[in-house]
Amino acid sequence: MASVPVVSPQAVIFDVGGVLVGSPFLAALRWAKDWDLPQAALEKLFGEYSRSVQPGEQPPMWHEVECGRVALAEFVEHMGLILGPELPKGHKARGLTASDFDPFAEAEPIPIMIELAEEIRDSGIRTAILTNNVKEWRKWRDRIPIEHFDPVIDSCEVGVRKPDPAVYSLICNRMGVAPSSCLFLDDYPGNVEAALAAGLDALQVTEDFATAASKVRERL
C-alpha cells in the first residue's frame, strides 16, 4: 500500500498497549501460560480478535467487549464456553472470572515512548491517544501521564474500534486537525494500514522502541 506524503505533523497519535505500555498481546500469552491453556484453546480464544467484519455480519465477541457493548464478565463467560471443550476435567481455567483476565494489570510504561511523547508535547505538537480497550481494564491510565494526551479516544467509550475508518476520522475531528497532518503510532500492522488508508501518516512500533522514536523524530 502506498503511504501518504510525509509532512511535519501537527499531532502525534499514540496507541497504548505495545506503544506507551507493554504489549497486551505478549501479556495475554503470559496469562495463557500461567493458566496452562493448551494451544488449541489459545487458537480458539484469540483466533477471532483480528477478524475483519463484513457489512451486516455479527462482530466477534472480542470486538463487542472492546466497543463497550458487552461487559467483561459476559465475555469471560463466553470464553468459558470456548475453552471448555479443550480443557481436561478439573482444569483450573474452568473457573475463570472477569477478575482473572486483565492483560493490563501488570503493564509497565515504556520509558523511551513516554519521554518521546513529552518531548513532542513540549515542542508544541499535540499528542493524543487512540486505543482499543475494555472498560474494565482501566489500570493502564494510572501507568502513564494521561493528562499529557488530549484527546484520549478509547474504543469502549466511543463504540467503535480500530481499524474502522470512522475511529480515525473521529480523533482527527476531535482535534480539528486534517488526517494528513497527523502521525499515528501503533504496534498492530492492520491498524497502521487502516490509518494510512484513512489519510494519516503512520508508523508501526515494534519492540525496538529506540528505532521507533528515531523514526518519529525524523518526521518532526
C-alpha atoms as a PDB file:
ATOM      1  CA  MET A   1       0.000   0.000   0.000  1.00  0.00           C
ATOM      2  CA  ALA A   2       1.374   3.418  -0.922  1.00  0.00           C
ATOM      3  CA  SER A   3       1.888   5.716   2.040  1.00  0.00           C
ATOM      4  CA  VAL A   4       0.737   9.301   2.199  1.00  0.00           C
ATOM      5  CA  PRO A   5       3.354  12.016   1.607  1.00  0.00           C
ATOM      6  CA  VAL A   6       5.433  12.643   4.725  1.00  0.00           C
ATOM      7  CA  VAL A   7       4.821  16.100   6.192  1.00  0.00           C
ATOM      8  CA  SER A   8       5.714  17.572   9.558  1.00  0.00           C
ATOM      9  CA  PRO A   9       2.764  16.577  11.752  1.00  0.00           C
ATOM     10  CA  GLN A  10       0.596  18.907  13.805  1.00  0.00           C
ATOM     11  CA  ALA A  11      -0.391  15.998  16.044  1.00  0.00           C
ATOM     12  CA  VAL A  12       1.044  12.616  17.010  1.00  0.00           C
ATOM     13  CA  ILE A  13      -1.480   9.936  17.990  1.00  0.00           C
ATOM     14  CA  PHE A  14      -0.299   7.087  20.228  1.00  0.00           C
ATOM     15  CA  ASP A  15      -1.743   3.640  20.723  1.00  0.00           C
ATOM     16  CA  VAL A  16      -1.422   2.406  24.316  1.00  0.00           C
ATOM     17  CA  GLY A  17      -0.627  -1.312  24.513  1.00  0.00           C
ATOM     18  CA  GLY A  18       2.669  -2.065  22.781  1.00  0.00           C
ATOM     19  CA  VAL A  19       3.445   1.658  22.368  1.00  0.00           C
ATOM     20  CA  LEU A  20       3.113   3.508  25.679  1.00  0.00           C
ATOM     21  CA  VAL A  21       2.908   0.426  27.917  1.00  0.00           C
ATOM     22  CA  GLY A  22       3.872  -3.206  27.422  1.00  0.00           C
ATOM     23  CA  SER A  23       2.155  -5.200  24.690  1.00  0.00           C
ATOM     24  CA  PRO A  24      -1.219  -6.700  25.707  1.00  0.00           C
ATOM     25  CA  PHE A  25      -0.654  -9.446  23.133  1.00  0.00           C
ATOM     26  CA  LEU A  26       2.519 -10.572  24.903  1.00  0.00           C
ATOM     27  CA  ALA A  27       0.796 -10.134  28.263  1.00  0.00           C
ATOM     28  CA  ALA A  28      -2.074 -12.317  27.059  1.00  0.00           C
ATOM     29  CA  LEU A  29       0.385 -15.043  26.084  1.00  0.00           C
ATOM     30  CA  ARG A  30       1.964 -14.873  29.538  1.00  0.00           C
ATOM     31  CA  TRP A  31      -1.511 -15.020  31.067  1.00  0.00           C
ATOM     32  CA  ALA A  32      -2.353 -18.087  28.976  1.00  0.00           C
ATOM     33  CA  LYS A  33       0.854 -19.772  30.137  1.00  0.00           C
ATOM     34  CA  ASP A  34       0.041 -19.004  33.771  1.00  0.00           C
ATOM     35  CA  TRP A  35      -3.367 -20.609  33.293  1.00  0.00           C
ATOM     36  CA  ASP A  36      -1.855 -23.596  31.457  1.00  0.00           C
ATOM     37  CA  LEU A  37      -4.036 -23.158  28.377  1.00  0.00           C
ATOM     38  CA  PRO A  38      -3.298 -25.633  25.575  1.00  0.00           C
ATOM     39  CA  GLN A  39      -2.503 -24.366  22.065  1.00  0.00           C
ATOM     40  CA  ALA A  40      -5.862 -25.475  20.696  1.00  0.00           C
ATOM     41  CA  ALA A  41      -7.613 -23.422  23.371  1.00  0.00           C
ATOM     42  CA  LEU A  42      -5.489 -20.375  22.574  1.00  0.00           C
ATOM     43  CA  GLU A  43      -6.260 -20.603  18.877  1.00  0.00           C
ATOM     44  CA  LYS A  44      -9.980 -20.733  19.624  1.00  0.00           C
ATOM     45  CA  LEU A  45      -9.847 -17.942  22.178  1.00  0.00           C
ATOM     46  CA  PHE A  46      -7.752 -15.415  20.280  1.00  0.00           C
ATOM     47  CA  GLY A  47      -8.383 -16.508  16.712  1.00  0.00           C
ATOM     48  CA  GLU A  48     -11.240 -14.082  16.047  1.00  0.00           C
ATOM     49  CA  TYR A  49      -9.666 -10.983  17.562  1.00  0.00           C
ATOM     50  CA  SER A  50      -8.310  -9.640  14.283  1.00  0.00           C
ATOM     51  CA  ARG A  51     -11.046 -10.979  12.018  1.00  0.00           C
ATOM     52  CA  SER A  52     -12.400  -8.413   9.564  1.00  0.00           C
ATOM     53  CA  VAL A  53     -16.147  -7.984   9.829  1.00  0.00           C
ATOM     54  CA  GLN A  54     -18.168  -7.635   6.654  1.00  0.00           C
ATOM     55  CA  PRO A  55     -21.231  -5.328   6.463  1.00  0.00           C
ATOM     56  CA  GLY A  56     -24.217  -6.972   8.123  1.00  0.00           C
ATOM     57  CA  GLU A  57     -22.047  -9.623   9.796  1.00  0.00           C
ATOM     58  CA  GLN A  58     -22.228 -10.202  13.550  1.00  0.00           C
ATOM     59  CA  PRO A  59     -18.976  -8.931  15.116  1.00  0.00           C
ATOM     60  CA  PRO A  60     -16.910 -11.311  17.244  1.00  0.00           C
ATOM     61  CA  MET A  61     -17.422 -11.021  20.985  1.00  0.00           C
ATOM     62  CA  TRP A  62     -13.877  -9.605  21.234  1.00  0.00           C
ATOM     63  CA  HIS A  63     -14.955  -6.605  19.167  1.00  0.00           C
ATOM     64  CA  GLU A  64     -18.131  -6.120  21.181  1.00  0.00           C
ATOM     65  CA  VAL A  65     -16.372  -6.027  24.552  1.00  0.00           C
ATOM     66  CA  GLU A  66     -13.837  -3.523  23.177  1.00  0.00           C
ATOM     67  CA  CYS A  67     -16.692  -1.351  21.927  1.00  0.00           C
ATOM     68  CA  GLY A  68     -18.327  -1.304  25.352  1.00  0.00           C
ATOM     69  CA  ARG A  69     -21.411  -3.213  24.241  1.00  0.00           C
ATOM     70  CA  VAL A  70     -20.589  -6.357  26.215  1.00  0.00           C
ATOM     71  CA  ALA A  71     -19.438  -6.463  29.847  1.00  0.00           C
ATOM     72  CA  LEU A  72     -16.166  -8.205  30.612  1.00  0.00           C
ATOM     73  CA  ALA A  73     -17.992 -10.690  32.868  1.00  0.00           C
ATOM     74  CA  GLU A  74     -20.207 -11.727  29.951  1.00  0.00           C
ATOM     75  CA  PHE A  75     -17.173 -12.004  27.706  1.00  0.00           C
ATOM     76  CA  VAL A  76     -15.330 -14.219  30.206  1.00  0.00           C
ATOM     77  CA  GLU A  77     -18.419 -16.424  30.433  1.00  0.00           C
ATOM     78  CA  HIS A  78     -18.274 -16.679  26.626  1.00  0.00           C
ATOM     79  CA  MET A  79     -14.575 -17.557  26.941  1.00  0.00           C
ATOM     80  CA  GLY A  80     -15.513 -20.422  29.215  1.00  0.00           C
ATOM     81  CA  LEU A  81     -17.766 -21.890  26.535  1.00  0.00           C
ATOM     82  CA  ILE A  82     -14.921 -21.655  24.018  1.00  0.00           C
ATOM     83  CA  LEU A  83     -12.306 -23.113  26.327  1.00  0.00           C
ATOM     84  CA  GLY A  84     -14.444 -25.844  27.857  1.00  0.00           C
ATOM     85  CA  PRO A  85     -14.117 -28.493  25.115  1.00  0.00           C
ATOM     86  CA  GLU A  86     -10.322 -28.027  25.057  1.00  0.00           C
ATOM     87  CA  LEU A  87      -9.728 -28.345  28.810  1.00  0.00           C
ATOM     88  CA  PRO A  88      -9.464 -31.550  30.832  1.00  0.00           C
ATOM     89  CA  LYS A  89     -11.871 -32.129  33.679  1.00  0.00           C
ATOM     90  CA  GLY A  90     -10.862 -30.173  36.763  1.00  0.00           C
ATOM     91  CA  HIS A  91      -8.575 -27.756  34.869  1.00  0.00           C
ATOM     92  CA  LYS A  92      -8.153 -24.511  36.834  1.00  0.00           C
ATOM     93  CA  ALA A  93      -9.174 -22.341  33.855  1.00  0.00           C
ATOM     94  CA  ARG A  94     -12.697 -23.749  34.074  1.00  0.00           C
ATOM     95  CA  GLY A  95     -13.206 -21.394  36.994  1.00  0.00           C
ATOM     96  CA  LEU A  96     -12.081 -18.185  35.256  1.00  0.00           C
ATOM     97  CA  THR A  97     -13.808 -14.969  36.295  1.00  0.00           C
ATOM     98  CA  ALA A  98     -13.585 -11.422  34.959  1.00  0.00           C
ATOM     99  CA  SER A  99     -11.139 -10.507  37.732  1.00  0.00           C
ATOM    100  CA  ASP A 100      -8.745 -13.171  36.396  1.00  0.00           C
ATOM    101  CA  PHE A 101      -8.478 -11.633  32.926  1.00  0.00           C
ATOM    102  CA  ASP A 102      -6.746  -8.260  32.608  1.00  0.00           C
ATOM    103  CA  PRO A 103      -3.617  -8.096  30.408  1.00  0.00           C
ATOM    104  CA  PHE A 104      -3.001  -4.538  31.665  1.00  0.00           C
ATOM    105  CA  ALA A 105      -2.995  -5.495  35.352  1.00  0.00           C
ATOM    106  CA  GLU A 106       0.808  -5.506  35.495  1.00  0.00           C
ATOM    107  CA  ALA A 107       1.528  -3.342  32.444  1.00  0.00           C
ATOM    108  CA  GLU A 108       4.604  -1.171  32.766  1.00  0.00           C
ATOM    109  CA  PRO A 109       5.196   2.106  30.900  1.00  0.00           C
ATOM    110  CA  ILE A 110       7.789   2.159  28.127  1.00  0.00           C
ATOM    111  CA  PRO A 111      10.155   4.973  29.201  1.00  0.00           C
ATOM    112  CA  ILE A 112      11.501   5.753  25.713  1.00  0.00           C
ATOM    113  CA  MET A 113       7.993   6.266  24.342  1.00  0.00           C
ATOM    114  CA  ILE A 114       6.744   8.234  27.355  1.00  0.00           C
ATOM    115  CA  GLU A 115       9.749  10.544  27.046  1.00  0.00           C
ATOM    116  CA  LEU A 116       9.122  10.868  23.313  1.00  0.00           C
ATOM    117  CA  ALA A 117       5.511  11.895  23.913  1.00  0.00           C
ATOM    118  CA  GLU A 118       6.595  14.514  26.454  1.00  0.00           C
ATOM    119  CA  GLU A 119       9.259  15.831  24.063  1.00  0.00           C
ATOM    120  CA  ILE A 120       6.686  16.142  21.275  1.00  0.00           C
ATOM    121  CA  ARG A 121       4.216  17.929  23.531  1.00  0.00           C
ATOM    122  CA  ASP A 122       6.866  20.298  24.849  1.00  0.00           C
ATOM    123  CA  SER A 123       7.738  21.229  21.250  1.00  0.00           C
ATOM    124  CA  GLY A 124       4.191  22.477  20.695  1.00  0.00           C
ATOM    125  CA  ILE A 125       2.906  19.492  18.710  1.00  0.00           C
ATOM    126  CA  ARG A 126      -0.290  17.925  20.039  1.00  0.00           C
ATOM    127  CA  THR A 127      -0.287  14.413  21.472  1.00  0.00           C
ATOM    128  CA  ALA A 128      -3.342  12.166  21.633  1.00  0.00           C
ATOM    129  CA  ILE A 129      -4.271   8.557  22.382  1.00  0.00           C
ATOM    130  CA  LEU A 130      -6.313   6.182  20.232  1.00  0.00           C
ATOM    131  CA  THR A 131      -6.734   2.774  21.839  1.00  0.00           C
ATOM    132  CA  ASN A 132      -8.861  -0.337  21.545  1.00  0.00           C
ATOM    133  CA  ASN A 133      -9.644  -1.256  25.107  1.00  0.00           C
ATOM    134  CA  VAL A 134     -12.076  -2.780  27.571  1.00  0.00           C
ATOM    135  CA  LYS A 135     -13.805  -0.526  30.069  1.00  0.00           C
ATOM    136  CA  GLU A 136     -12.912  -2.790  32.993  1.00  0.00           C
ATOM    137  CA  TRP A 137      -9.218  -2.600  32.022  1.00  0.00           C
ATOM    138  CA  ARG A 138      -8.542   0.952  33.155  1.00  0.00           C
ATOM    139  CA  LYS A 139      -5.351   0.401  35.124  1.00  0.00           C
ATOM    140  CA  TRP A 140      -3.256   1.498  32.144  1.00  0.00           C
ATOM    141  CA  ARG A 141      -4.468   5.059  32.766  1.00  0.00           C
ATOM    142  CA  ASP A 142      -2.561   5.069  36.070  1.00  0.00           C
ATOM    143  CA  ARG A 143       0.655   3.883  34.387  1.00  0.00           C
ATOM    144  CA  ILE A 144       1.191   6.903  32.125  1.00  0.00           C
ATOM    145  CA  PRO A 145       0.890  10.722  32.399  1.00  0.00           C
ATOM    146  CA  ILE A 146      -2.500  10.627  30.721  1.00  0.00           C
ATOM    147  CA  GLU A 147      -3.011  14.360  31.300  1.00  0.00           C
ATOM    148  CA  HIS A 148      -0.362  14.957  28.616  1.00  0.00           C
ATOM    149  CA  PHE A 149      -2.631  13.478  25.927  1.00  0.00           C
ATOM    150  CA  ASP A 150      -5.672  15.263  24.536  1.00  0.00           C
ATOM    151  CA  PRO A 151      -7.942  13.839  23.335  1.00  0.00           C
ATOM    152  CA  VAL A 152      -7.980  10.268  24.619  1.00  0.00           C
ATOM    153  CA  ILE A 153     -10.188   8.126  22.384  1.00  0.00           C
ATOM    154  CA  ASP A 154     -10.958   4.723  23.921  1.00  0.00           C
ATOM    155  CA  SER A 155     -12.971   2.284  21.814  1.00  0.00           C
ATOM    156  CA  CYS A 156     -15.041   1.144  24.797  1.00  0.00           C
ATOM    157  CA  GLU A 157     -16.220   4.736  25.339  1.00  0.00           C
ATOM    158  CA  VAL A 158     -16.998   5.693  21.741  1.00  0.00           C
ATOM    159  CA  GLY A 159     -18.370   2.360  20.469  1.00  0.00           C
ATOM    160  CA  VAL A 160     -16.025   2.000  17.500  1.00  0.00           C
ATOM    161  CA  ARG A 161     -12.595   0.392  17.298  1.00  0.00           C
ATOM    162  CA  LYS A 162      -9.535   0.313  15.088  1.00  0.00           C
ATOM    163  CA  PRO A 163      -9.260  -0.482  12.216  1.00  0.00           C
ATOM    164  CA  ASP A 164     -12.699   1.002  11.447  1.00  0.00           C
ATOM    165  CA  PRO A 165     -12.073   4.163   9.344  1.00  0.00           C
ATOM    166  CA  ALA A 166     -14.643   6.010  11.458  1.00  0.00           C
ATOM    167  CA  VAL A 167     -12.420   5.993  14.544  1.00  0.00           C
ATOM    168  CA  TYR A 168      -9.550   7.694  12.681  1.00  0.00           C
ATOM    169  CA  SER A 169     -11.960  10.365  11.434  1.00  0.00           C
ATOM    170  CA  LEU A 170     -13.276  10.781  14.957  1.00  0.00           C
ATOM    171  CA  ILE A 171      -9.936  11.558  16.556  1.00  0.00           C
ATOM    172  CA  CYS A 172      -8.913  13.933  13.767  1.00  0.00           C
ATOM    173  CA  ASN A 173     -12.248  15.759  14.088  1.00  0.00           C
ATOM    174  CA  ARG A 174     -11.880  15.954  17.877  1.00  0.00           C
ATOM    175  CA  MET A 175      -8.522  17.684  17.404  1.00  0.00           C
ATOM    176  CA  GLY A 176      -9.633  19.793  14.457  1.00  0.00           C
ATOM    177  CA  VAL A 177      -6.618  18.555  12.507  1.00  0.00           C
ATOM    178  CA  ALA A 178      -6.620  17.143   8.976  1.00  0.00           C
ATOM    179  CA  PRO A 179      -5.670  13.447   8.729  1.00  0.00           C
ATOM    180  CA  SER A 180      -2.708  14.342   6.527  1.00  0.00           C
ATOM    181  CA  SER A 181      -1.325  16.423   9.415  1.00  0.00           C
ATOM    182  CA  CYS A 182      -1.435  13.541  11.903  1.00  0.00           C
ATOM    183  CA  LEU A 183       1.164  10.860  12.630  1.00  0.00           C
ATOM    184  CA  PHE A 184      -0.258   7.656  14.106  1.00  0.00           C
ATOM    185  CA  LEU A 185       1.772   5.079  16.069  1.00  0.00           C
ATOM    186  CA  ASP A 186       0.545   1.526  16.659  1.00  0.00           C
ATOM    187  CA  ASP A 187       2.074  -1.898  17.193  1.00  0.00           C
ATOM    188  CA  TYR A 188      -0.561  -3.789  15.179  1.00  0.00           C
ATOM    189  CA  PRO A 189       0.066  -3.780  11.395  1.00  0.00           C
ATOM    190  CA  GLY A 190      -3.624  -3.823  10.471  1.00  0.00           C
ATOM    191  CA  ASN A 191      -4.271  -0.644  12.450  1.00  0.00           C
ATOM    192  CA  VAL A 192      -1.319   1.079  10.785  1.00  0.00           C
ATOM    193  CA  GLU A 193      -2.539   0.071   7.326  1.00  0.00           C
ATOM    194  CA  ALA A 194      -6.026   1.359   8.125  1.00  0.00           C
ATOM    195  CA  ALA A 195      -4.619   4.689   9.314  1.00  0.00           C
ATOM    196  CA  LEU A 196      -2.664   5.086   6.068  1.00  0.00           C
ATOM    197  CA  ALA A 197      -5.819   4.286   4.097  1.00  0.00           C
ATOM    198  CA  ALA A 198      -7.656   6.972   6.097  1.00  0.00           C
ATOM    199  CA  GLY A 199      -5.074   9.570   5.035  1.00  0.00           C
ATOM    200  CA  LEU A 200      -2.876   9.725   8.124  1.00  0.00           C
ATOM    201  CA  ASP A 201       0.852   9.176   8.184  1.00  0.00           C
ATOM    202  CA  ALA A 202       1.533   6.104  10.309  1.00  0.00           C
ATOM    203  CA  LEU A 203       4.370   4.014  11.712  1.00  0.00           C
ATOM    204  CA  GLN A 204       4.368   0.531  13.176  1.00  0.00           C
ATOM    205  CA  VAL A 205       6.052   0.379  16.572  1.00  0.00           C
ATOM    206  CA  THR A 206       7.978  -2.816  17.264  1.00  0.00           C
ATOM    207  CA  GLU A 207       9.860  -3.846  20.386  1.00  0.00           C
ATOM    208  CA  ASP A 208      12.804  -1.816  19.061  1.00  0.00           C
ATOM    209  CA  PHE A 209      11.452   1.331  20.693  1.00  0.00           C
ATOM    210  CA  ALA A 210      14.632   3.333  20.186  1.00  0.00           C
ATOM    211  CA  THR A 211      14.317   2.904  16.410  1.00  0.00           C
ATOM    212  CA  ALA A 212      10.622   3.815  16.560  1.00  0.00           C
ATOM    213  CA  ALA A 213      11.432   7.002  18.479  1.00  0.00           C
ATOM    214  CA  SER A 214      14.115   7.911  15.925  1.00  0.00           C
ATOM    215  CA  LYS A 215      11.679   7.425  13.050  1.00  0.00           C
ATOM    216  CA  VAL A 216       9.177   9.706  14.760  1.00  0.00           C
ATOM    217  CA  ARG A 217      11.785  12.400  15.318  1.00  0.00           C
ATOM    218  CA  GLU A 218      12.636  12.253  11.620  1.00  0.00           C
ATOM    219  CA  ARG A 219       9.047  13.325  10.929  1.00  0.00           C
ATOM    220  CA  LEU A 220       9.161  16.313  13.290  1.00  0.00           C
END
